[in-house]
Amino acid sequence: MPSAAAVYARISHDPDGDQLGVNRQVADCHHLAERRGWPVAEVYVDDDRSAYSGRVRPEYRRMLDDIRAGTVDAVLVWHLDRLHRQPKELEEFFEVCDAARLTALASVTGDTDLSTHDGRFLARILGAVARKESDDKSRRITRKHLELAQAGKATGGGSRPFGYRADRRTVDPTEAAVVREAAARIRAGDSLRAVASDWNERGIPTVGGVQWTPHVLKRMLIGARLSAQREYKGEIVAPGDWQPILTPQETAHLRAILGNPERLTRRTVRRYLLSGGLLRCGHCDAALVARPRTDGSRRYVCAKGPGLAGCGRTAVLSEPVEELIAEAVLYRLDTPELAAVLAGAAREDAETAAAQDSLAADQAQLNELATAYGEKQITFPEYLAARKPIETRIEAGKRRLSRLTRSAAIDQYVGQSDALRTSWRDLPLTRQRAIIAAVLDRAVVRPARRGRTVFDPDRIEPVWRA
């Protein structure tokens, strides 16, 4: 006769958190323990925890530890599928029970004697059936979500999206305004961290009432929902049935910018305005990198060493070269030469629209291909063969869009260099660098004159974008 029984209860979904389901399981198990004369030593409850998803169930793990320690010598559950929906978990449970010599397992819906082969065989059958039921349910849910996405229906449940009211369809004017502001700032070269910090300082909270992080802000801005488009597993599959905050073109630009693998992602703030390839060595054409002196003064050098392509023969102090380049860029904003460049940028805008249309067409074709395979119109090898060239075109299209978004950083400043000069020092470093990179292709740093100890502007040869 067991002397210390464990009651285990679990429910997969409890959105209200009232634990009514698990409380019913616990009550029924207590009634069963009274009928059998098994004293209940401990109750273990995993509320709102799926045994199918693979998520850690802390109370279940605690019960296994207590079985190993001999604290409990019997287990009561409402049904065996409350214990496991994964065969590998069932086998682990058997191993723990064998090591602790625990054979008393009872369920409200029927008993299983772990001391017999037939009992374990029955438990394995029930576990396999439970796993198949979970697989079938997962497949039905996945298919339903795909159907809703292709129909452009909004998702339900959870918190409302930022920028929208509680109905998830109507735009909230106040939040939508700051979303558009953030989108414009990212397109102009601001970093996610700068925008998130600014929003936090201004007291603009997330829907959950907490502060913004760059990760959360990025996830929102690249989401197709903001442009009233339905997304499924990261891909846009249909227009949505709610109000847009951004245009589809703006969403495509944001995805191209924020999805660019060359985009700076390190957490430390950039202190060097011209790093990242804007300065090149006059000897070997390698990119100059930031290397401060031992006294802390900033400088750019052509670095030489393992894994570095430089020659080690060029160095220049940061402050004077940054001031020179910034002033040259501000001057160029009002020149006819830049106007000619922007005429090319206007042509790039047309290219951008064409690239977006091409990308959308490729994505639609990929969706049609998946539908054809799902309806067994083509075989799996045919699906794989047709998918690869489409995915190759999609990746190339994304890279092209990323290249065609550069001029957005200077759109508002062309012909307005005086206004930009006034606010230049107040702009975030990421915005300053984006403006410079939109105008300057690179600046070549020529060798220093022998015996010259002060900064020589003639060493710097800018190469403008054309």
Foldseek 3Di string as FASTA:
>chain_A
DWAEEEEEFEDQADPPPPCPRRVVFVVLQVVVCVVVVHDYHYYFYQYNHDQQVPDDRVSLVVVLVCLLVVVGQAYETQDLVRNHLDLVSLVVVLVSCVNSVRQHYYHSVGGAGSVDPVSSVVSSVVSPVSNVVVVVVVVVVLVVLVVCQLVQEDDDDDFAAFQADRVNFHGDVVRLVLLVVVLLVVLLFDALQVSQVVCVVVCNPGSVSHGDDSVVNLVNLLDCVQQQFGDDPHHTNGGHDGDHSDHPLSSLLSCLRVVPPLDDDDDDADPALCADQQEAEPPQRFGWHWDADPVRFIKTFQDDDVPGDGDGQDMDGRVVVVVVLLVVLLVCLADVVVVVVVVVLVVLVVVLVVLVVVLVVLSNVLVVLVVCVVVVVDDPVVSVVVNVVSVVSNVVSSNSSSVSSLLSNCVVCRNPSVVCVVCVVVDRSRSSSSSSVSWFVHWYAAGDDPPDDDDDPVRIHTDTDD
